[in-house]
């Protein structure tokens, strides 16, 4: 995961994991990883192939608010 941000677009879900608009989809990443594992690629190559993901959090959702209370 590359970063975590507070999302203004989420309304009913507590969070969402998204990839960049020019990154690989989760399915494409899965296919490439399966092919790479057949070819005994290194861990460094797997990290290079992984898409950069962003976790977007909805601060107004009850679950996120409860987590904040637990952290405090």
PDB file of N, CA and C in Angstrom:
ATOM      1  N   UNK A   1       0.848  -1.157   0.000  1.00  0.00           N
ATOM      2  CA  UNK A   1       0.000   0.000   0.000  1.00  0.00           C
ATOM      3  C   UNK A   1       0.904   1.232   0.000  1.00  0.00           C
ATOM      4  N   UNK A   2       0.557   2.166  -0.825  1.00  0.00           N
ATOM      5  CA  UNK A   2       1.376   3.358  -0.968  1.00  0.00           C
ATOM      6  C   UNK A   2       1.013   4.445   0.026  1.00  0.00           C
ATOM      7  N   UNK A   3      -0.299   4.689   0.216  1.00  0.00           N
ATOM      8  CA  UNK A   3      -0.696   5.749   1.138  1.00  0.00           C
ATOM      9  C   UNK A   3      -2.120   5.538   1.632  1.00  0.00           C
ATOM     10  N   UNK A   4      -2.470   6.285   2.686  1.00  0.00           N
ATOM     11  CA  UNK A   4      -3.808   6.288   3.255  1.00  0.00           C
ATOM     12  C   UNK A   4      -4.292   7.733   3.248  1.00  0.00           C
ATOM     13  N   UNK A   5      -5.511   7.958   2.755  1.00  0.00           N
ATOM     14  CA  UNK A   5      -6.057   9.315   2.681  1.00  0.00           C
ATOM     15  C   UNK A   5      -7.496   9.326   3.185  1.00  0.00           C
ATOM     16  N   UNK A   6      -7.916  10.496   3.665  1.00  0.00           N
ATOM     17  CA  UNK A   6      -9.312  10.707   4.021  1.00  0.00           C
ATOM     18  C   UNK A   6     -10.059  11.022   2.734  1.00  0.00           C
ATOM     19  N   UNK A   7     -11.121  10.285   2.471  1.00  0.00           N
ATOM     20  CA  UNK A   7     -11.825  10.408   1.205  1.00  0.00           C
ATOM     21  C   UNK A   7     -13.106  11.225   1.337  1.00  0.00           C
ATOM     22  N   UNK A   8     -13.264  12.241   0.501  1.00  0.00           N
ATOM     23  CA  UNK A   8     -14.517  12.996   0.506  1.00  0.00           C
ATOM     24  C   UNK A   8     -15.627  12.318  -0.304  1.00  0.00           C
ATOM     25  N   UNK A   9     -15.284  11.301  -1.087  1.00  0.00           N
ATOM     26  CA  UNK A   9     -16.276  10.689  -1.984  1.00  0.00           C
ATOM     27  C   UNK A   9     -17.028   9.510  -1.383  1.00  0.00           C
ATOM     28  N   UNK A  10     -16.530   8.936  -0.282  1.00  0.00           N
ATOM     29  CA  UNK A  10     -17.198   7.787   0.330  1.00  0.00           C
ATOM     30  C   UNK A  10     -18.359   8.248   1.186  1.00  0.00           C
ATOM     31  N   UNK A  11     -19.490   7.542   1.080  1.00  0.00           N
ATOM     32  CA  UNK A  11     -20.673   7.906   1.858  1.00  0.00           C
ATOM     33  C   UNK A  11     -21.154   6.772   2.747  1.00  0.00           C
ATOM     34  N   UNK A  12     -21.243   5.556   2.205  1.00  0.00           N
ATOM     35  CA  UNK A  12     -21.840   4.469   2.974  1.00  0.00           C
ATOM     36  C   UNK A  12     -20.843   3.388   3.390  1.00  0.00           C
ATOM     37  N   UNK A  13     -19.629   3.419   2.881  1.00  0.00           N
ATOM     38  CA  UNK A  13     -18.645   2.405   3.229  1.00  0.00           C
ATOM     39  C   UNK A  13     -17.561   3.011   4.120  1.00  0.00           C
ATOM     40  N   UNK A  14     -16.973   2.202   5.006  1.00  0.00           N
ATOM     41  CA  UNK A  14     -15.939   2.734   5.894  1.00  0.00           C
ATOM     42  C   UNK A  14     -14.621   3.036   5.183  1.00  0.00           C
ATOM     43  N   UNK A  15     -14.289   2.215   4.182  1.00  0.00           N
ATOM     44  CA  UNK A  15     -13.035   2.445   3.458  1.00  0.00           C
ATOM     45  C   UNK A  15     -13.071   1.690   2.127  1.00  0.00           C
ATOM     46  N   UNK A  16     -12.130   2.033   1.277  1.00  0.00           N
ATOM     47  CA  UNK A  16     -12.006   1.368  -0.010  1.00  0.00           C
ATOM     48  C   UNK A  16     -10.524   1.358  -0.400  1.00  0.00           C
ATOM     49  N   UNK A  17     -10.097   0.287  -1.036  1.00  0.00           N
ATOM     50  CA  UNK A  17      -8.733   0.155  -1.511  1.00  0.00           C
ATOM     51  C   UNK A  17      -8.754   0.352  -3.024  1.00  0.00           C
ATOM     52  N   UNK A  18      -8.045   1.358  -3.524  1.00  0.00           N
ATOM     53  CA  UNK A  18      -8.084   1.680  -4.946  1.00  0.00           C
ATOM     54  C   UNK A  18      -6.679   1.673  -5.534  1.00  0.00           C
ATOM     55  N   UNK A  19      -6.613   1.430  -6.823  1.00  0.00           N
ATOM     56  CA  UNK A  19      -5.351   1.537  -7.548  1.00  0.00           C
ATOM     57  C   UNK A  19      -5.384   2.812  -8.375  1.00  0.00           C
ATOM     58  N   UNK A  20      -4.223   3.229  -8.827  1.00  0.00           N
ATOM     59  CA  UNK A  20      -4.144   4.430  -9.638  1.00  0.00           C
ATOM     60  C   UNK A  20      -4.851   4.255 -10.970  1.00  0.00           C
ATOM     61  N   UNK A  21      -5.181   5.357 -11.595  1.00  0.00           N
ATOM     62  CA  UNK A  21      -5.923   5.284 -12.857  1.00  0.00           C
ATOM     63  C   UNK A  21      -5.092   4.660 -13.975  1.00  0.00           C
ATOM     64  N   UNK A  22      -3.769   4.702 -13.865  1.00  0.00           N
ATOM     65  CA  UNK A  22      -2.913   4.110 -14.891  1.00  0.00           C
ATOM     66  C   UNK A  22      -2.249   2.826 -14.415  1.00  0.00           C
ATOM     67  N   UNK A  23      -2.603   2.368 -13.227  1.00  0.00           N
ATOM     68  CA  UNK A  23      -2.021   1.148 -12.685  1.00  0.00           C
ATOM     69  C   UNK A  23      -2.749  -0.097 -13.170  1.00  0.00           C
ATOM     70  N   UNK A  24      -2.223  -1.243 -12.776  1.00  0.00           N
ATOM     71  CA  UNK A  24      -2.850  -2.503 -13.131  1.00  0.00           C
ATOM     72  C   UNK A  24      -4.080  -2.731 -12.276  1.00  0.00           C
ATOM     73  N   UNK A  25      -5.051  -3.419 -12.842  1.00  0.00           N
ATOM     74  CA  UNK A  25      -6.209  -3.831 -12.066  1.00  0.00           C
ATOM     75  C   UNK A  25      -5.780  -4.986 -11.155  1.00  0.00           C
ATOM     76  N   UNK A  26      -6.596  -5.269 -10.148  1.00  0.00           N
ATOM     77  CA  UNK A  26      -6.290  -6.367  -9.230  1.00  0.00           C
ATOM     78  C   UNK A  26      -6.241  -7.698  -9.976  1.00  0.00           C
ATOM     79  N   UNK A  27      -7.106  -7.873 -10.963  1.00  0.00           N
ATOM     80  CA  UNK A  27      -7.124  -9.116 -11.728  1.00  0.00           C
ATOM     81  C   UNK A  27      -5.852  -9.264 -12.562  1.00  0.00           C
ATOM     82  N   UNK A  28      -5.413  -8.187 -13.196  1.00  0.00           N
ATOM     83  CA  UNK A  28      -4.189  -8.242 -13.999  1.00  0.00           C
ATOM     84  C   UNK A  28      -2.983  -8.536 -13.112  1.00  0.00           C
ATOM     85  N   UNK A  29      -2.947  -7.925 -11.943  1.00  0.00           N
ATOM     86  CA  UNK A  29      -1.861  -8.188 -11.001  1.00  0.00           C
ATOM     87  C   UNK A  29      -1.844  -9.653 -10.587  1.00  0.00           C
ATOM     88  N   UNK A  30      -3.027 -10.213 -10.350  1.00  0.00           N
ATOM     89  CA  UNK A  30      -3.133 -11.622  -9.973  1.00  0.00           C
ATOM     90  C   UNK A  30      -2.612 -12.530 -11.079  1.00  0.00           C
ATOM     91  N   UNK A  31      -2.979 -12.222 -12.322  1.00  0.00           N
ATOM     92  CA  UNK A  31      -2.528 -13.031 -13.456  1.00  0.00           C
ATOM     93  C   UNK A  31      -1.014 -12.968 -13.636  1.00  0.00           C
ATOM     94  N   UNK A  32      -0.457 -11.786 -13.527  1.00  0.00           N
ATOM     95  CA  UNK A  32       0.996 -11.623 -13.686  1.00  0.00           C
ATOM     96  C   UNK A  32       1.733 -12.320 -12.558  1.00  0.00           C
ATOM     97  N   UNK A  33       1.216 -12.199 -11.333  1.00  0.00           N
ATOM     98  CA  UNK A  33       1.856 -12.853 -10.194  1.00  0.00           C
ATOM     99  C   UNK A  33       1.836 -14.371 -10.360  1.00  0.00           C
ATOM    100  N   UNK A  34       0.723 -14.919 -10.842  1.00  0.00           N
ATOM    101  CA  UNK A  34       0.625 -16.368 -11.050  1.00  0.00           C
ATOM    102  C   UNK A  34       1.634 -16.822 -12.104  1.00  0.00           C
ATOM    103  N   UNK A  35       1.780 -16.048 -13.161  1.00  0.00           N
ATOM    104  CA  UNK A  35       2.749 -16.389 -14.207  1.00  0.00           C
ATOM    105  C   UNK A  35       4.175 -16.258 -13.683  1.00  0.00           C
ATOM    106  N   UNK A  36       4.432 -15.214 -12.907  1.00  0.00           N
ATOM    107  CA  UNK A  36       5.781 -14.994 -12.382  1.00  0.00           C
ATOM    108  C   UNK A  36       6.176 -16.091 -11.411  1.00  0.00           C
ATOM    109  N   UNK A  37       5.227 -16.560 -10.609  1.00  0.00           N
ATOM    110  CA  UNK A  37       5.542 -17.623  -9.653  1.00  0.00           C
ATOM    111  C   UNK A  37       5.877 -18.923 -10.368  1.00  0.00           C
ATOM    112  N   UNK A  38       5.297 -19.153 -11.536  1.00  0.00           N
ATOM    113  CA  UNK A  38       5.643 -20.331 -12.316  1.00  0.00           C
ATOM    114  C   UNK A  38       7.092 -20.252 -12.798  1.00  0.00           C
ATOM    115  N   UNK A  39       7.542 -19.022 -13.051  1.00  0.00           N
ATOM    116  CA  UNK A  39       8.896 -18.828 -13.573  1.00  0.00           C
ATOM    117  C   UNK A  39       9.924 -18.606 -12.480  1.00  0.00           C
ATOM    118  N   UNK A  40       9.556 -18.828 -11.198  1.00  0.00           N
ATOM    119  CA  UNK A  40      10.472 -18.676 -10.068  1.00  0.00           C
ATOM    120  C   UNK A  40      11.111 -17.288 -10.007  1.00  0.00           C
ATOM    121  N   UNK A  41      10.328 -16.240 -10.191  1.00  0.00           N
ATOM    122  CA  UNK A  41      10.868 -14.884 -10.128  1.00  0.00           C
ATOM    123  C   UNK A  41      11.188 -14.518  -8.685  1.00  0.00           C
ATOM    124  N   UNK A  42      11.990 -13.493  -8.531  1.00  0.00           N
ATOM    125  CA  UNK A  42      12.411 -13.072  -7.199  1.00  0.00           C
ATOM    126  C   UNK A  42      11.357 -12.201  -6.543  1.00  0.00           C
ATOM    127  N   UNK A  43      11.514 -12.009  -5.240  1.00  0.00           N
ATOM    128  CA  UNK A  43      10.590 -11.175  -4.482  1.00  0.00           C
ATOM    129  C   UNK A  43      10.647  -9.730  -4.968  1.00  0.00           C
ATOM    130  N   UNK A  44      11.811  -9.273  -5.368  1.00  0.00           N
ATOM    131  CA  UNK A  44      11.979  -7.897  -5.847  1.00  0.00           C
ATOM    132  C   UNK A  44      11.157  -7.678  -7.118  1.00  0.00           C
ATOM    133  N   UNK A  45      11.135  -8.642  -8.007  1.00  0.00           N
ATOM    134  CA  UNK A  45      10.343  -8.521  -9.226  1.00  0.00           C
ATOM    135  C   UNK A  45       8.857  -8.485  -8.903  1.00  0.00           C
ATOM    136  N   UNK A  46       8.416  -9.262  -7.909  1.00  0.00           N
ATOM    137  CA  UNK A  46       7.007  -9.257  -7.514  1.00  0.00           C
ATOM    138  C   UNK A  46       6.598  -7.901  -6.967  1.00  0.00           C
ATOM    139  N   UNK A  47       7.478  -7.261  -6.196  1.00  0.00           N
ATOM    140  CA  UNK A  47       7.172  -5.937  -5.667  1.00  0.00           C
ATOM    141  C   UNK A  47       7.097  -4.918  -6.785  1.00  0.00           C
ATOM    142  N   UNK A  48       7.933  -5.043  -7.782  1.00  0.00           N
ATOM    143  CA  UNK A  48       7.926  -4.114  -8.909  1.00  0.00           C
ATOM    144  C   UNK A  48       6.623  -4.231  -9.691  1.00  0.00           C
ATOM    145  N   UNK A  49       6.133  -5.447  -9.836  1.00  0.00           N
ATOM    146  CA  UNK A  49       4.925  -5.675 -10.622  1.00  0.00           C
ATOM    147  C   UNK A  49       3.656  -5.257  -9.885  1.00  0.00           C
ATOM    148  N   UNK A  50       3.711  -5.166  -8.556  1.00  0.00           N
ATOM    149  CA  UNK A  50       2.519  -4.850  -7.776  1.00  0.00           C
ATOM    150  C   UNK A  50       2.066  -3.416  -8.035  1.00  0.00           C
ATOM    151  N   UNK A  51       0.771  -3.234  -8.162  1.00  0.00           N
ATOM    152  CA  UNK A  51       0.208  -1.902  -8.365  1.00  0.00           C
ATOM    153  C   UNK A  51       0.283  -1.108  -7.066  1.00  0.00           C
ATOM    154  N   UNK A  52       0.438   0.193  -7.187  1.00  0.00           N
ATOM    155  CA  UNK A  52       0.431   1.070  -6.020  1.00  0.00           C
ATOM    156  C   UNK A  52      -1.015   1.272  -5.592  1.00  0.00           C
ATOM    157  N   UNK A  53      -1.295   0.973  -4.344  1.00  0.00           N
ATOM    158  CA  UNK A  53      -2.662   1.048  -3.847  1.00  0.00           C
ATOM    159  C   UNK A  53      -2.799   2.181  -2.835  1.00  0.00           C
ATOM    160  N   UNK A  54      -3.998   2.751  -2.784  1.00  0.00           N
ATOM    161  CA  UNK A  54      -4.320   3.806  -1.832  1.00  0.00           C
ATOM    162  C   UNK A  54      -5.534   3.363  -1.030  1.00  0.00           C
ATOM    163  N   UNK A  55      -5.438   3.484   0.289  1.00  0.00           N
ATOM    164  CA  UNK A  55      -6.568   3.189   1.159  1.00  0.00           C
ATOM    165  C   UNK A  55      -7.275   4.506   1.440  1.00  0.00           C
ATOM    166  N   UNK A  56      -8.534   4.596   1.011  1.00  0.00           N
ATOM    167  CA  UNK A  56      -9.342   5.789   1.261  1.00  0.00           C
ATOM    168  C   UNK A  56     -10.281   5.488   2.427  1.00  0.00           C
ATOM    169  N   UNK A  57     -10.303   6.386   3.418  1.00  0.00           N
ATOM    170  CA  UNK A  57     -11.079   6.190   4.636  1.00  0.00           C
ATOM    171  C   UNK A  57     -12.185   7.224   4.726  1.00  0.00           C
ATOM    172  N   UNK A  58     -13.365   6.776   5.147  1.00  0.00           N
ATOM    173  CA  UNK A  58     -14.504   7.647   5.378  1.00  0.00           C
ATOM    174  C   UNK A  58     -14.553   7.978   6.875  1.00  0.00           C
ATOM    175  N   UNK A  59     -14.147   9.192   7.281  1.00  0.00           N
ATOM    176  CA  UNK A  59     -14.086   9.513   8.712  1.00  0.00           C
ATOM    177  C   UNK A  59     -15.460   9.625   9.373  1.00  0.00           C
ATOM    178  N   UNK A  60     -16.534   9.739   8.596  1.00  0.00           N
ATOM    179  CA  UNK A  60     -17.881   9.874   9.148  1.00  0.00           C
ATOM    180  C   UNK A  60     -18.579   8.543   9.376  1.00  0.00           C
ATOM    181  N   UNK A  61     -17.963   7.451   8.974  1.00  0.00           N
ATOM    182  CA  UNK A  61     -18.581   6.138   9.135  1.00  0.00           C
ATOM    183  C   UNK A  61     -18.450   5.678  10.592  1.00  0.00           C
ATOM    184  N   UNK A  62     -19.506   5.043  11.148  1.00  0.00           N
ATOM    185  CA  UNK A  62     -19.467   4.610  12.554  1.00  0.00           C
ATOM    186  C   UNK A  62     -18.308   3.664  12.898  1.00  0.00           C
ATOM    187  N   UNK A  63     -17.928   2.806  11.981  1.00  0.00           N
ATOM    188  CA  UNK A  63     -16.819   1.881  12.246  1.00  0.00           C
ATOM    189  C   UNK A  63     -15.511   2.653  12.424  1.00  0.00           C
ATOM    190  N   UNK A  64     -15.258   3.608  11.550  1.00  0.00           N
ATOM    191  CA  UNK A  64     -14.029   4.404  11.635  1.00  0.00           C
ATOM    192  C   UNK A  64     -14.051   5.259  12.899  1.00  0.00           C
ATOM    193  N   UNK A  65     -15.209   5.801  13.244  1.00  0.00           N
ATOM    194  CA  UNK A  65     -15.319   6.603  14.464  1.00  0.00           C
ATOM    195  C   UNK A  65     -15.064   5.746  15.703  1.00  0.00           C
ATOM    196  N   UNK A  66     -15.561   4.522  15.701  1.00  0.00           N
ATOM    197  CA  UNK A  66     -15.326   3.601  16.823  1.00  0.00           C
ATOM    198  C   UNK A  66     -13.842   3.246  16.924  1.00  0.00           C
ATOM    199  N   UNK A  67     -13.194   3.029  15.785  1.00  0.00           N
ATOM    200  CA  UNK A  67     -11.747   2.754  15.808  1.00  0.00           C
ATOM    201  C   UNK A  67     -10.971   3.940  16.381  1.00  0.00           C
ATOM    202  N   UNK A  68     -11.402   5.151  16.051  1.00  0.00           N
ATOM    203  CA  UNK A  68     -10.738   6.344  16.568  1.00  0.00           C
ATOM    204  C   UNK A  68     -10.877   6.428  18.083  1.00  0.00           C
ATOM    205  N   UNK A  69     -12.062   6.100  18.596  1.00  0.00           N
ATOM    206  CA  UNK A  69     -12.276   6.096  20.052  1.00  0.00           C
ATOM    207  C   UNK A  69     -11.372   5.055  20.710  1.00  0.00           C
ATOM    208  N   UNK A  70     -11.231   3.889  20.094  1.00  0.00           N
ATOM    209  CA  UNK A  70     -10.390   2.828  20.653  1.00  0.00           C
ATOM    210  C   UNK A  70      -8.919   3.243  20.650  1.00  0.00           C
ATOM    211  N   UNK A  71      -8.476   3.971  19.636  1.00  0.00           N
ATOM    212  CA  UNK A  71      -7.085   4.417  19.569  1.00  0.00           C
ATOM    213  C   UNK A  71      -6.813   5.482  20.622  1.00  0.00           C
ATOM    214  N   UNK A  72      -7.781   6.387  20.800  1.00  0.00           N
ATOM    215  CA  UNK A  72      -7.608   7.453  21.795  1.00  0.00           C
ATOM    216  C   UNK A  72      -7.643   6.866  23.194  1.00  0.00           C
TER     217      UNK A  72
END
